[in-house]
N, C-alpha and C. Protein backbone atom coordinates (compact mmCIF):
# COMPACT_ATOMS: atom_id res chain seq x y z
N MET A 1 0.85 -1.17 0.00
CA MET A 1 0.00 0.00 0.00
C MET A 1 0.90 1.24 0.00
N THR A 2 1.03 1.79 -1.16
CA THR A 2 1.87 2.98 -1.28
C THR A 2 1.04 4.23 -1.10
N GLU A 3 1.71 5.31 -0.74
CA GLU A 3 1.01 6.57 -0.55
C GLU A 3 0.32 7.01 -1.84
N LYS A 4 0.98 6.79 -2.97
CA LYS A 4 0.41 7.18 -4.27
C LYS A 4 -0.94 6.50 -4.49
N LEU A 5 -1.02 5.23 -4.20
CA LEU A 5 -2.28 4.50 -4.40
C LEU A 5 -3.34 4.88 -3.37
N LEU A 6 -2.92 5.21 -2.18
CA LEU A 6 -3.89 5.56 -1.13
C LEU A 6 -4.40 6.99 -1.26
N VAL A 7 -3.63 7.85 -1.92
CA VAL A 7 -4.06 9.24 -2.10
C VAL A 7 -5.27 9.31 -3.02
N LYS A 8 -5.27 8.48 -4.03
CA LYS A 8 -6.40 8.42 -4.98
C LYS A 8 -6.52 6.97 -5.46
N PRO A 9 -7.12 6.11 -4.62
CA PRO A 9 -7.15 4.68 -4.94
C PRO A 9 -7.92 4.38 -6.23
N PRO A 10 -7.24 3.81 -7.22
CA PRO A 10 -7.95 3.43 -8.46
C PRO A 10 -8.81 2.18 -8.23
N PHE A 11 -9.81 2.02 -9.07
CA PHE A 11 -10.72 0.88 -8.93
C PHE A 11 -9.96 -0.44 -8.94
N ARG A 12 -9.03 -0.58 -9.86
CA ARG A 12 -8.29 -1.85 -9.99
C ARG A 12 -7.59 -2.19 -8.67
N TYR A 13 -7.05 -1.20 -8.01
CA TYR A 13 -6.37 -1.39 -6.73
C TYR A 13 -7.36 -1.92 -5.69
N LEU A 14 -8.54 -1.32 -5.63
CA LEU A 14 -9.57 -1.75 -4.67
C LEU A 14 -10.04 -3.17 -4.99
N HIS A 15 -10.19 -3.46 -6.27
CA HIS A 15 -10.59 -4.80 -6.70
C HIS A 15 -9.53 -5.80 -6.25
N ASP A 16 -8.27 -5.48 -6.48
CA ASP A 16 -7.18 -6.37 -6.10
C ASP A 16 -7.11 -6.58 -4.59
N ILE A 17 -7.36 -5.52 -3.83
CA ILE A 17 -7.37 -5.65 -2.37
C ILE A 17 -8.47 -6.61 -1.93
N PHE A 18 -9.67 -6.45 -2.50
CA PHE A 18 -10.76 -7.34 -2.11
C PHE A 18 -10.45 -8.79 -2.49
N THR A 19 -10.00 -9.02 -3.71
CA THR A 19 -9.77 -10.41 -4.14
C THR A 19 -8.63 -11.05 -3.34
N ALA A 20 -7.58 -10.28 -3.03
CA ALA A 20 -6.49 -10.82 -2.22
C ALA A 20 -6.97 -11.12 -0.80
N THR A 21 -7.80 -10.24 -0.26
CA THR A 21 -8.36 -10.46 1.08
C THR A 21 -9.24 -11.70 1.09
N ASN A 22 -10.04 -11.84 0.05
CA ASN A 22 -10.92 -13.01 -0.07
C ASN A 22 -10.10 -14.29 -0.14
N GLN A 23 -9.04 -14.28 -0.93
CA GLN A 23 -8.21 -15.48 -1.06
C GLN A 23 -7.50 -15.81 0.25
N ALA A 24 -7.08 -14.79 0.99
CA ALA A 24 -6.34 -15.02 2.24
C ALA A 24 -7.24 -15.41 3.41
N THR A 25 -8.47 -14.87 3.44
CA THR A 25 -9.31 -15.06 4.62
C THR A 25 -10.64 -15.75 4.34
N GLY A 26 -11.06 -15.79 3.08
CA GLY A 26 -12.38 -16.32 2.75
C GLY A 26 -13.47 -15.27 2.89
N PHE A 27 -13.10 -14.07 3.30
CA PHE A 27 -14.06 -12.99 3.49
C PHE A 27 -14.80 -12.69 2.19
N GLY A 28 -16.11 -12.77 2.23
CA GLY A 28 -16.94 -12.42 1.09
C GLY A 28 -17.00 -13.48 0.00
N SER A 29 -16.63 -14.70 0.32
CA SER A 29 -16.69 -15.76 -0.70
C SER A 29 -18.11 -15.87 -1.26
N GLY A 30 -18.22 -15.91 -2.57
CA GLY A 30 -19.50 -16.03 -3.23
C GLY A 30 -20.16 -14.70 -3.57
N LEU A 31 -19.57 -13.61 -3.12
CA LEU A 31 -20.17 -12.29 -3.39
C LEU A 31 -20.09 -11.95 -4.87
N TYR A 32 -19.02 -12.36 -5.50
CA TYR A 32 -18.82 -12.08 -6.92
C TYR A 32 -18.65 -13.38 -7.69
N SER A 33 -19.03 -13.33 -8.95
CA SER A 33 -18.89 -14.52 -9.79
C SER A 33 -18.48 -14.12 -11.19
N GLY A 34 -17.98 -15.09 -11.92
CA GLY A 34 -17.63 -14.90 -13.32
C GLY A 34 -16.73 -13.71 -13.58
N GLY A 35 -17.20 -12.85 -14.48
CA GLY A 35 -16.42 -11.70 -14.91
C GLY A 35 -16.11 -10.71 -13.81
N GLU A 36 -16.92 -10.69 -12.76
CA GLU A 36 -16.67 -9.76 -11.67
C GLU A 36 -15.35 -10.03 -10.97
N LEU A 37 -14.88 -11.26 -11.05
CA LEU A 37 -13.63 -11.62 -10.39
C LEU A 37 -12.42 -11.18 -11.20
N ASP A 38 -12.62 -10.79 -12.44
CA ASP A 38 -11.54 -10.31 -13.30
C ASP A 38 -11.69 -8.80 -13.45
N ALA A 39 -10.78 -8.06 -12.83
CA ALA A 39 -10.86 -6.60 -12.85
C ALA A 39 -10.84 -6.03 -14.27
N LYS A 40 -10.19 -6.71 -15.19
CA LYS A 40 -10.11 -6.23 -16.57
C LYS A 40 -11.46 -6.24 -17.26
N SER A 41 -12.36 -7.11 -16.80
CA SER A 41 -13.67 -7.20 -17.44
C SER A 41 -14.64 -6.14 -16.92
N ILE A 42 -14.25 -5.43 -15.88
CA ILE A 42 -15.10 -4.38 -15.30
C ILE A 42 -14.56 -3.04 -15.80
N ALA A 43 -15.09 -2.62 -16.94
CA ALA A 43 -14.53 -1.44 -17.58
C ALA A 43 -15.39 -0.19 -17.44
N ASP A 44 -16.71 -0.33 -17.46
CA ASP A 44 -17.54 0.87 -17.44
C ASP A 44 -17.86 1.29 -16.01
N LYS A 45 -18.25 2.54 -15.87
CA LYS A 45 -18.50 3.13 -14.56
C LYS A 45 -19.60 2.38 -13.80
N GLU A 46 -20.68 2.02 -14.49
CA GLU A 46 -21.79 1.33 -13.82
C GLU A 46 -21.36 0.00 -13.22
N ALA A 47 -20.55 -0.76 -13.96
CA ALA A 47 -20.07 -2.05 -13.46
C ALA A 47 -19.17 -1.85 -12.24
N LYS A 48 -18.34 -0.82 -12.27
CA LYS A 48 -17.46 -0.53 -11.13
C LYS A 48 -18.29 -0.13 -9.91
N VAL A 49 -19.27 0.72 -10.12
CA VAL A 49 -20.14 1.14 -9.02
C VAL A 49 -20.88 -0.06 -8.44
N ASN A 50 -21.38 -0.95 -9.29
CA ASN A 50 -22.09 -2.15 -8.81
C ASN A 50 -21.16 -3.04 -7.99
N PHE A 51 -19.93 -3.21 -8.45
CA PHE A 51 -18.95 -4.02 -7.73
C PHE A 51 -18.71 -3.43 -6.35
N LEU A 52 -18.46 -2.13 -6.31
CA LEU A 52 -18.17 -1.46 -5.04
C LEU A 52 -19.38 -1.44 -4.10
N THR A 53 -20.57 -1.29 -4.66
CA THR A 53 -21.79 -1.28 -3.86
C THR A 53 -21.93 -2.59 -3.10
N LYS A 54 -21.69 -3.69 -3.77
CA LYS A 54 -21.78 -5.00 -3.11
C LYS A 54 -20.73 -5.13 -2.02
N MET A 55 -19.51 -4.68 -2.31
CA MET A 55 -18.43 -4.76 -1.33
C MET A 55 -18.74 -3.92 -0.10
N ILE A 56 -19.20 -2.72 -0.31
CA ILE A 56 -19.54 -1.82 0.80
C ILE A 56 -20.69 -2.40 1.63
N SER A 57 -21.71 -2.90 0.96
CA SER A 57 -22.86 -3.49 1.67
C SER A 57 -22.41 -4.65 2.55
N LEU A 58 -21.52 -5.49 2.03
CA LEU A 58 -21.04 -6.63 2.81
C LEU A 58 -20.29 -6.16 4.05
N VAL A 59 -19.39 -5.22 3.88
CA VAL A 59 -18.61 -4.72 5.02
C VAL A 59 -19.54 -4.09 6.06
N GLU A 60 -20.51 -3.32 5.62
CA GLU A 60 -21.45 -2.69 6.55
C GLU A 60 -22.23 -3.74 7.34
N LEU A 61 -22.67 -4.79 6.66
CA LEU A 61 -23.41 -5.85 7.36
C LEU A 61 -22.54 -6.55 8.39
N VAL A 62 -21.31 -6.83 8.03
CA VAL A 62 -20.42 -7.56 8.94
C VAL A 62 -20.05 -6.72 10.16
N ILE A 63 -19.75 -5.44 9.94
CA ILE A 63 -19.36 -4.61 11.09
C ILE A 63 -20.57 -4.06 11.84
N GLY A 64 -21.74 -4.16 11.23
CA GLY A 64 -22.96 -3.71 11.89
C GLY A 64 -23.10 -2.20 11.97
N ASP A 65 -22.49 -1.51 11.02
CA ASP A 65 -22.54 -0.05 11.03
C ASP A 65 -22.49 0.46 9.60
N GLU A 66 -23.17 1.56 9.35
CA GLU A 66 -23.17 2.17 8.03
C GLU A 66 -21.90 3.01 7.87
N ILE A 67 -21.32 2.96 6.67
CA ILE A 67 -20.11 3.71 6.36
C ILE A 67 -20.49 4.84 5.42
N ASP A 68 -20.06 6.04 5.73
CA ASP A 68 -20.36 7.22 4.91
C ASP A 68 -19.44 7.23 3.69
N ILE A 69 -19.87 6.51 2.65
CA ILE A 69 -19.08 6.42 1.43
C ILE A 69 -20.02 6.16 0.26
N ARG A 70 -19.69 6.74 -0.87
CA ARG A 70 -20.51 6.55 -2.07
C ARG A 70 -19.66 5.95 -3.18
N PRO A 71 -20.09 4.82 -3.73
CA PRO A 71 -19.32 4.15 -4.76
C PRO A 71 -18.98 5.04 -5.96
N ALA A 72 -19.90 5.89 -6.37
CA ALA A 72 -19.64 6.77 -7.51
C ALA A 72 -18.49 7.72 -7.22
N LYS A 73 -18.38 8.16 -5.99
CA LYS A 73 -17.27 9.05 -5.59
C LYS A 73 -15.95 8.29 -5.62
N ILE A 74 -15.97 7.03 -5.22
CA ILE A 74 -14.76 6.21 -5.26
C ILE A 74 -14.29 6.07 -6.70
N VAL A 75 -15.21 5.72 -7.59
CA VAL A 75 -14.87 5.52 -9.00
C VAL A 75 -14.32 6.81 -9.61
N ALA A 76 -14.85 7.94 -9.16
CA ALA A 76 -14.38 9.24 -9.66
C ALA A 76 -13.08 9.68 -9.01
N GLY A 77 -12.57 8.90 -8.06
CA GLY A 77 -11.33 9.24 -7.40
C GLY A 77 -11.48 10.34 -6.36
N GLN A 78 -12.69 10.55 -5.91
CA GLN A 78 -12.95 11.59 -4.92
C GLN A 78 -13.07 10.97 -3.53
N GLU A 79 -12.91 11.80 -2.54
CA GLU A 79 -13.04 11.41 -1.14
C GLU A 79 -12.15 10.21 -0.76
N PRO A 80 -10.84 10.31 -1.07
CA PRO A 80 -9.95 9.18 -0.76
C PRO A 80 -9.87 8.88 0.74
N GLU A 81 -10.08 9.90 1.59
CA GLU A 81 -10.03 9.64 3.03
C GLU A 81 -11.17 8.71 3.45
N LYS A 82 -12.32 8.85 2.80
CA LYS A 82 -13.45 7.95 3.10
C LYS A 82 -13.18 6.55 2.54
N THR A 83 -12.52 6.50 1.39
CA THR A 83 -12.16 5.21 0.80
C THR A 83 -11.18 4.48 1.71
N ASN A 84 -10.21 5.20 2.24
CA ASN A 84 -9.24 4.59 3.15
C ASN A 84 -9.89 4.15 4.46
N PHE A 85 -10.84 4.92 4.95
CA PHE A 85 -11.59 4.53 6.14
C PHE A 85 -12.37 3.25 5.85
N PHE A 86 -12.96 3.17 4.66
CA PHE A 86 -13.68 1.96 4.26
C PHE A 86 -12.73 0.76 4.24
N LEU A 87 -11.53 0.94 3.67
CA LEU A 87 -10.57 -0.16 3.61
C LEU A 87 -10.19 -0.64 5.01
N GLN A 88 -10.06 0.27 5.94
CA GLN A 88 -9.78 -0.10 7.33
C GLN A 88 -10.91 -0.95 7.90
N ASN A 89 -12.14 -0.58 7.57
CA ASN A 89 -13.29 -1.35 8.04
C ASN A 89 -13.37 -2.71 7.36
N MET A 90 -12.99 -2.77 6.09
CA MET A 90 -12.97 -4.05 5.40
C MET A 90 -11.94 -4.97 6.07
N PHE A 91 -10.79 -4.44 6.43
CA PHE A 91 -9.79 -5.23 7.14
C PHE A 91 -10.35 -5.73 8.46
N ARG A 92 -11.00 -4.83 9.18
CA ARG A 92 -11.60 -5.20 10.46
C ARG A 92 -12.62 -6.33 10.28
N ALA A 93 -13.45 -6.21 9.26
CA ALA A 93 -14.47 -7.23 9.00
C ALA A 93 -13.84 -8.55 8.57
N ALA A 94 -12.83 -8.46 7.71
CA ALA A 94 -12.20 -9.67 7.17
C ALA A 94 -11.41 -10.44 8.21
N THR A 95 -10.91 -9.75 9.23
CA THR A 95 -10.10 -10.42 10.25
C THR A 95 -10.89 -10.74 11.52
N ALA A 96 -12.19 -10.52 11.48
CA ALA A 96 -13.02 -10.78 12.65
C ALA A 96 -13.33 -12.26 12.85
N GLY A 97 -13.02 -13.08 11.85
CA GLY A 97 -13.27 -14.51 11.96
C GLY A 97 -14.74 -14.89 11.85
N ILE A 98 -15.52 -14.05 11.19
CA ILE A 98 -16.96 -14.27 11.03
C ILE A 98 -17.23 -14.97 9.70
N ASP A 99 -18.12 -15.97 9.73
CA ASP A 99 -18.57 -16.60 8.49
C ASP A 99 -19.46 -15.59 7.77
N THR A 100 -19.02 -15.14 6.60
CA THR A 100 -19.76 -14.09 5.88
C THR A 100 -20.83 -14.65 4.95
N THR A 101 -21.01 -15.96 4.91
CA THR A 101 -22.00 -16.54 4.01
C THR A 101 -23.39 -15.93 4.17
N PRO A 102 -23.92 -15.80 5.39
CA PRO A 102 -25.26 -15.20 5.52
C PRO A 102 -25.28 -13.74 5.06
N HIS A 103 -24.20 -13.04 5.28
CA HIS A 103 -24.11 -11.64 4.86
C HIS A 103 -24.05 -11.52 3.34
N VAL A 104 -23.27 -12.42 2.73
CA VAL A 104 -23.19 -12.45 1.26
C VAL A 104 -24.56 -12.74 0.69
N ASN A 105 -25.26 -13.72 1.26
CA ASN A 105 -26.60 -14.06 0.77
C ASN A 105 -27.55 -12.88 0.89
N ARG A 106 -27.42 -12.13 1.95
CA ARG A 106 -28.28 -10.96 2.14
C ARG A 106 -27.97 -9.88 1.10
N VAL A 107 -26.69 -9.63 0.85
CA VAL A 107 -26.30 -8.65 -0.16
C VAL A 107 -26.84 -9.06 -1.53
N LEU A 108 -26.77 -10.35 -1.82
CA LEU A 108 -27.22 -10.85 -3.11
C LEU A 108 -28.73 -11.04 -3.19
N GLY A 109 -29.42 -10.80 -2.06
CA GLY A 109 -30.87 -10.94 -2.04
C GLY A 109 -31.34 -12.37 -1.97
N LEU A 110 -30.47 -13.26 -1.50
CA LEU A 110 -30.82 -14.68 -1.45
C LEU A 110 -31.47 -15.09 -0.15
N ASP A 111 -31.29 -14.33 0.92
CA ASP A 111 -31.86 -14.75 2.20
C ASP A 111 -33.21 -14.10 2.48
N ASP A 112 -33.54 -13.04 1.78
CA ASP A 112 -34.82 -12.37 2.04
C ASP A 112 -35.99 -13.32 1.86
N GLY A 113 -35.94 -14.15 0.83
CA GLY A 113 -37.05 -15.04 0.56
C GLY A 113 -36.84 -16.42 1.12
N GLU A 114 -35.65 -16.69 1.65
CA GLU A 114 -35.33 -18.04 2.10
C GLU A 114 -36.27 -18.52 3.19
N GLY A 115 -36.46 -17.72 4.23
CA GLY A 115 -37.38 -18.11 5.31
C GLY A 115 -38.80 -18.16 4.82
N GLU A 116 -39.17 -17.21 3.98
CA GLU A 116 -40.53 -17.19 3.46
C GLU A 116 -40.79 -18.36 2.55
N GLU A 117 -39.75 -18.78 1.78
CA GLU A 117 -39.95 -19.93 0.91
C GLU A 117 -40.27 -21.17 1.73
N GLY A 118 -39.57 -21.32 2.86
CA GLY A 118 -39.84 -22.46 3.72
C GLY A 118 -41.27 -22.44 4.22
N GLU A 119 -41.76 -21.26 4.61
CA GLU A 119 -43.13 -21.15 5.06
C GLU A 119 -44.11 -21.38 3.92
N ASP A 120 -43.81 -20.81 2.76
CA ASP A 120 -44.67 -20.98 1.60
C ASP A 120 -44.71 -22.45 1.18
N ALA A 121 -43.55 -23.10 1.25
CA ALA A 121 -43.50 -24.50 0.85
C ALA A 121 -44.42 -25.32 1.75
N GLY A 122 -44.41 -25.01 3.04
CA GLY A 122 -45.28 -25.72 3.96
C GLY A 122 -46.74 -25.46 3.66
N GLN A 123 -47.07 -24.23 3.31
CA GLN A 123 -48.44 -23.87 3.00
C GLN A 123 -48.87 -24.53 1.69
N GLN A 124 -47.94 -24.67 0.76
CA GLN A 124 -48.29 -25.30 -0.51
C GLN A 124 -48.54 -26.78 -0.34
N GLU A 125 -47.83 -27.42 0.60
CA GLU A 125 -48.01 -28.85 0.82
C GLU A 125 -49.38 -29.16 1.40
N ASP A 126 -49.88 -28.31 2.29
CA ASP A 126 -51.18 -28.56 2.93
C ASP A 126 -52.30 -28.70 1.89
N PRO A 127 -52.43 -27.77 0.91
CA PRO A 127 -53.50 -27.92 -0.08
C PRO A 127 -53.33 -29.18 -0.93
N GLU A 128 -52.07 -29.56 -1.19
CA GLU A 128 -51.85 -30.75 -2.01
C GLU A 128 -52.26 -32.00 -1.24
N GLU A 129 -52.02 -32.01 0.06
CA GLU A 129 -52.37 -33.17 0.84
C GLU A 129 -53.87 -33.28 1.07
N ALA A 130 -54.55 -32.17 1.07
CA ALA A 130 -55.98 -32.17 1.37
C ALA A 130 -56.83 -32.68 0.25
């Protein structure tokens, strides 16, 4: 982490930090798939913002606190002090030893319906049995 990169962290640098952290700790496994794991395939602003939005949401869920940061500002190279604060929180979350699977599922919208599906499945079985 050089001063040059921390003064105005480029997207590729942030992507590399997340993927290296994921490989070292398992933090956020399953949050990204396919092309999202290759920084070269994330070229347009919208894709970068989407990538960062998921990362920020995961960190916020794990630490249990909202972080004052906007993905569009990160992509634009603005507010580097907030980006660095976010990176500190990502480190804190990644080294907490927490299984992030439920948090990843929540970010991806997979757990919102999970409990309801179980209830719905039970309700669907009753009419079939009757």
